[in-house]
N, C-alpha and C. Protein backbone atom coordinates (compact mmCIF):
# COMPACT_ATOMS: atom_id res chain seq x y z
N MET A 1 -18.50 -17.09 -12.66
CA MET A 1 -18.19 -18.12 -11.19
C MET A 1 -18.23 -16.15 -10.26
N SER A 2 -18.77 -16.68 -9.04
CA SER A 2 -18.18 -15.50 -8.23
C SER A 2 -16.75 -15.64 -7.39
N LYS A 3 -16.26 -14.75 -6.71
CA LYS A 3 -15.64 -14.51 -5.85
C LYS A 3 -15.53 -15.36 -5.04
N LEU A 4 -15.86 -15.61 -4.50
CA LEU A 4 -16.40 -16.71 -3.31
C LEU A 4 -15.78 -17.39 -4.22
N GLN A 5 -16.95 -18.43 -5.00
CA GLN A 5 -17.17 -19.44 -5.86
C GLN A 5 -14.98 -19.80 -6.13
N ILE A 6 -14.44 -19.04 -6.72
CA ILE A 6 -13.06 -19.05 -6.79
C ILE A 6 -12.19 -19.41 -5.74
N LYS A 7 -12.26 -18.28 -4.90
CA LYS A 7 -11.70 -18.73 -4.01
C LYS A 7 -11.77 -19.93 -3.15
N ALA A 8 -13.29 -20.86 -3.06
CA ALA A 8 -13.12 -22.38 -2.75
C ALA A 8 -12.25 -23.00 -3.93
N LEU A 9 -12.75 -23.01 -4.98
CA LEU A 9 -11.93 -23.35 -5.81
C LEU A 9 -10.38 -23.51 -5.67
N VAL A 10 -9.68 -22.44 -5.48
CA VAL A 10 -8.30 -22.62 -4.69
C VAL A 10 -7.86 -22.91 -3.69
N TYR A 11 -8.78 -22.68 -2.35
CA TYR A 11 -8.78 -23.76 -1.49
C TYR A 11 -8.60 -24.80 -1.53
N GLN A 12 -9.62 -25.02 -2.52
CA GLN A 12 -9.83 -27.29 -2.51
C GLN A 12 -8.36 -27.70 -3.42
N LEU A 13 -7.68 -26.83 -4.46
CA LEU A 13 -6.69 -27.16 -5.42
C LEU A 13 -5.70 -27.18 -4.49
N LEU A 14 -5.30 -25.96 -3.76
CA LEU A 14 -4.23 -26.34 -2.60
C LEU A 14 -3.89 -27.19 -1.87
N CYS A 15 -4.97 -27.67 -0.66
CA CYS A 15 -5.22 -28.56 -0.47
C CYS A 15 -4.69 -29.68 -0.72
N PHE A 16 -5.60 -30.17 -2.17
CA PHE A 16 -5.12 -31.41 -2.74
C PHE A 16 -3.37 -31.60 -2.69
N ALA A 17 -3.14 -30.32 -3.49
CA ALA A 17 -2.06 -30.20 -4.35
C ALA A 17 -0.73 -30.55 -2.93
N ALA A 18 -1.11 -30.25 -2.33
CA ALA A 18 -0.20 -30.11 -0.68
C ALA A 18 -0.48 -31.61 -0.43
N LEU A 19 -1.52 -32.51 0.14
CA LEU A 19 -1.66 -33.74 0.45
C LEU A 19 -0.92 -34.99 -0.95
N PHE A 20 -1.75 -34.52 -2.19
CA PHE A 20 -0.88 -34.93 -3.20
C PHE A 20 1.15 -35.20 -3.11
N PHE A 21 1.28 -34.22 -3.00
CA PHE A 21 2.92 -34.41 -3.22
C PHE A 21 3.64 -34.66 -2.08
N LEU A 22 2.91 -34.40 -0.70
CA LEU A 22 3.08 -34.71 0.65
C LEU A 22 3.23 -36.69 0.26
N THR A 23 2.06 -37.27 0.00
CA THR A 23 1.54 -38.46 -0.05
C THR A 23 2.90 -38.76 -1.29
N ARG A 24 2.70 -38.35 -2.34
CA ARG A 24 4.15 -39.03 -3.77
C ARG A 24 4.93 -39.67 -2.96
N TYR A 25 5.64 -38.28 -2.08
CA TYR A 25 7.27 -38.30 -1.53
C TYR A 25 6.94 -39.20 -0.27
N ILE A 26 6.18 -39.57 0.43
CA ILE A 26 5.97 -40.54 1.21
C ILE A 26 6.11 -42.07 0.57
N VAL A 27 5.07 -42.35 -0.40
CA VAL A 27 5.14 -43.70 -1.32
C VAL A 27 6.48 -43.61 -1.75
N ASP A 28 7.16 -43.12 -2.35
CA ASP A 28 8.52 -43.27 -2.98
C ASP A 28 9.36 -43.51 -2.04
N ALA A 29 9.47 -42.88 -1.18
CA ALA A 29 10.41 -42.78 -0.07
C ALA A 29 10.39 -44.22 0.75
N PHE A 30 9.22 -44.43 1.17
CA PHE A 30 9.48 -46.06 2.34
C PHE A 30 8.42 -47.01 1.79
N THR A 31 7.93 -47.31 0.32
CA THR A 31 7.56 -48.56 -0.15
C THR A 31 7.87 -48.87 -1.22
N ASN A 32 7.48 -50.01 -2.18
CA ASN A 32 8.03 -50.73 -3.00
C ASN A 32 7.50 -50.88 -4.27
N VAL A 33 6.76 -49.40 -4.09
CA VAL A 33 5.82 -49.45 -4.90
C VAL A 33 6.47 -48.38 -6.54
N SER A 34 6.30 -48.77 -7.81
CA SER A 34 7.17 -48.22 -8.71
C SER A 34 6.73 -47.94 -9.29
N GLY A 35 6.40 -47.17 -11.22
CA GLY A 35 6.27 -46.47 -12.38
C GLY A 35 4.43 -45.79 -11.59
N VAL A 36 3.88 -46.08 -12.55
CA VAL A 36 3.28 -44.82 -12.54
C VAL A 36 2.18 -45.45 -11.60
N TRP A 37 2.20 -46.24 -10.83
CA TRP A 37 0.77 -46.48 -9.17
C TRP A 37 2.01 -45.61 -8.26
N ILE A 38 2.92 -44.76 -8.44
CA ILE A 38 3.42 -43.70 -7.29
C ILE A 38 2.23 -42.53 -7.72
N PRO A 39 2.04 -41.95 -8.78
CA PRO A 39 1.32 -40.73 -8.88
C PRO A 39 -0.37 -41.30 -8.50
N VAL A 40 -0.47 -42.61 -9.21
CA VAL A 40 -1.87 -43.52 -8.39
C VAL A 40 -2.38 -43.24 -7.48
N THR A 41 -1.28 -44.09 -6.46
CA THR A 41 -1.32 -43.75 -5.10
C THR A 41 -1.70 -42.67 -4.54
N ALA A 42 -1.14 -41.72 -5.18
CA ALA A 42 -0.82 -40.43 -4.33
C ALA A 42 -2.49 -39.49 -4.63
N PHE A 43 -2.81 -39.75 -6.16
CA PHE A 43 -3.78 -39.11 -6.05
C PHE A 43 -5.09 -39.68 -5.47
N VAL A 44 -5.26 -40.97 -5.02
CA VAL A 44 -6.47 -41.46 -4.44
C VAL A 44 -6.02 -40.65 -3.01
N VAL A 45 -5.49 -41.42 -2.70
CA VAL A 45 -5.46 -40.40 -0.64
C VAL A 45 -5.64 -39.01 -0.71
N GLY A 46 -4.30 -38.53 -1.87
CA GLY A 46 -5.43 -37.15 -1.78
C GLY A 46 -6.75 -36.54 -2.03
N THR A 47 -7.11 -37.74 -3.20
CA THR A 47 -8.63 -37.46 -3.56
C THR A 47 -9.53 -37.48 -1.62
N LEU A 48 -9.15 -38.78 -1.72
CA LEU A 48 -9.74 -38.73 -0.15
C LEU A 48 -9.74 -38.25 1.32
N LEU A 49 -8.59 -37.39 1.48
CA LEU A 49 -7.98 -36.42 2.54
C LEU A 49 -8.31 -35.63 2.50
N SER A 50 -8.35 -35.13 1.00
CA SER A 50 -8.57 -33.59 0.80
C SER A 50 -10.01 -32.60 1.21
N PRO A 51 -9.92 -31.57 2.20
CA PRO A 51 -11.02 -31.36 2.23
C PRO A 51 -12.19 -30.53 1.04
N LYS A 52 -13.08 -30.51 1.33
CA LYS A 52 -14.08 -30.17 0.11
C LYS A 52 -14.13 -28.96 0.72
N PHE A 53 -14.11 -27.14 -0.45
CA PHE A 53 -14.90 -26.33 -0.25
C PHE A 53 -16.03 -26.06 -1.08
N GLN A 54 -17.04 -25.16 -0.57
CA GLN A 54 -18.23 -25.47 -1.95
C GLN A 54 -18.67 -23.54 -1.49
N ALA A 55 -18.68 -22.82 -2.27
CA ALA A 55 -19.53 -21.96 -1.95
C ALA A 55 -21.21 -21.60 -2.13
N VAL A 56 -21.81 -21.04 -1.41
CA VAL A 56 -23.45 -21.54 -1.77
C VAL A 56 -24.20 -19.66 -1.23
N ARG A 57 -25.00 -19.97 -1.83
CA ARG A 57 -25.84 -18.98 -1.75
C ARG A 57 -27.11 -18.71 -0.51
N THR A 58 -26.79 -18.21 0.14
CA THR A 58 -28.23 -18.30 1.10
C THR A 58 -28.71 -16.72 1.24
N LYS A 59 -29.95 -17.52 2.11
CA LYS A 59 -30.70 -15.61 2.45
C LYS A 59 -29.62 -14.53 2.72
N ASP A 60 -28.53 -15.13 3.41
CA ASP A 60 -27.86 -14.19 4.18
C ASP A 60 -26.83 -13.46 2.79
N GLY A 61 -26.77 -14.13 1.93
CA GLY A 61 -25.82 -13.83 0.64
C GLY A 61 -24.74 -15.15 0.78
N GLU A 62 -23.82 -14.72 0.20
CA GLU A 62 -22.60 -15.89 -0.61
C GLU A 62 -22.11 -16.30 0.91
N LYS A 63 -22.02 -18.04 0.71
CA LYS A 63 -21.12 -18.49 2.29
C LYS A 63 -20.51 -19.58 1.81
N MET A 64 -19.13 -19.64 1.87
CA MET A 64 -18.16 -20.69 1.71
C MET A 64 -18.19 -21.73 2.81
N PHE A 65 -18.49 -22.95 2.57
CA PHE A 65 -18.22 -24.61 3.42
C PHE A 65 -17.69 -25.20 3.37
N MET A 66 -17.34 -25.95 4.50
CA MET A 66 -15.80 -26.91 4.27
C MET A 66 -16.12 -28.42 4.20
N SER A 67 -16.19 -29.22 3.94
CA SER A 67 -16.39 -30.66 4.59
C SER A 67 -15.38 -31.49 4.21
N TRP A 68 -15.00 -32.10 5.71
CA TRP A 68 -13.76 -32.54 5.63
C TRP A 68 -13.99 -33.71 6.36
N LEU A 69 -13.09 -34.84 5.96
CA LEU A 69 -13.10 -36.56 6.56
C LEU A 69 -12.80 -36.53 7.83
N PHE A 70 -12.15 -35.78 8.44
CA PHE A 70 -11.54 -35.78 9.75
C PHE A 70 -12.61 -34.64 10.65
N VAL A 71 -13.32 -33.89 10.35
CA VAL A 71 -14.36 -33.03 11.35
C VAL A 71 -15.78 -33.45 10.63
N LYS A 72 -16.29 -33.44 12.10
CA LYS A 72 -17.57 -33.51 11.68
C LYS A 72 -18.81 -32.64 11.59
N GLY A 73 -19.56 -32.96 9.96
CA GLY A 73 -20.46 -32.34 9.97
C GLY A 73 -20.00 -31.28 9.06
N ILE A 74 -20.62 -30.03 8.62
CA ILE A 74 -20.07 -28.81 7.69
C ILE A 74 -19.71 -28.03 8.55
N ARG A 75 -18.55 -27.19 8.13
CA ARG A 75 -18.41 -25.96 9.09
C ARG A 75 -18.90 -24.71 7.73
N GLU A 76 -18.57 -23.57 8.40
CA GLU A 76 -18.71 -22.80 7.38
C GLU A 76 -17.39 -22.08 7.77
N VAL A 77 -16.31 -21.75 6.47
CA VAL A 77 -15.31 -21.19 6.48
C VAL A 77 -15.12 -19.37 6.19
N LYS A 78 -16.15 -19.14 6.09
CA LYS A 78 -16.66 -17.90 5.64
C LYS A 78 -17.88 -17.33 4.87
C-alpha cells in the first residue's frame, strides 16, 4: 500500500468513527432503541453518511478522491 492509500484509509476510518459515535450517542439519548440495536443503527447510519476516500494512480501521479452523499460528483482531495 502506498502512503496516499494509507492516508485515504485513515481519513475514511476517522470520518466513519466520528459519525458512528455521534449517531450512537444520539440514538441512545433520544430514542427508545435498546440492546444490540443501538450500535447496529449507528453502524448503518455511519456507513451511509460517511464520505468515501480512494487513492488512484493517474498519468499525473497518485491522487486522492472523495465521494460523499452531500457533495455532487467526485472531488479531488490531494
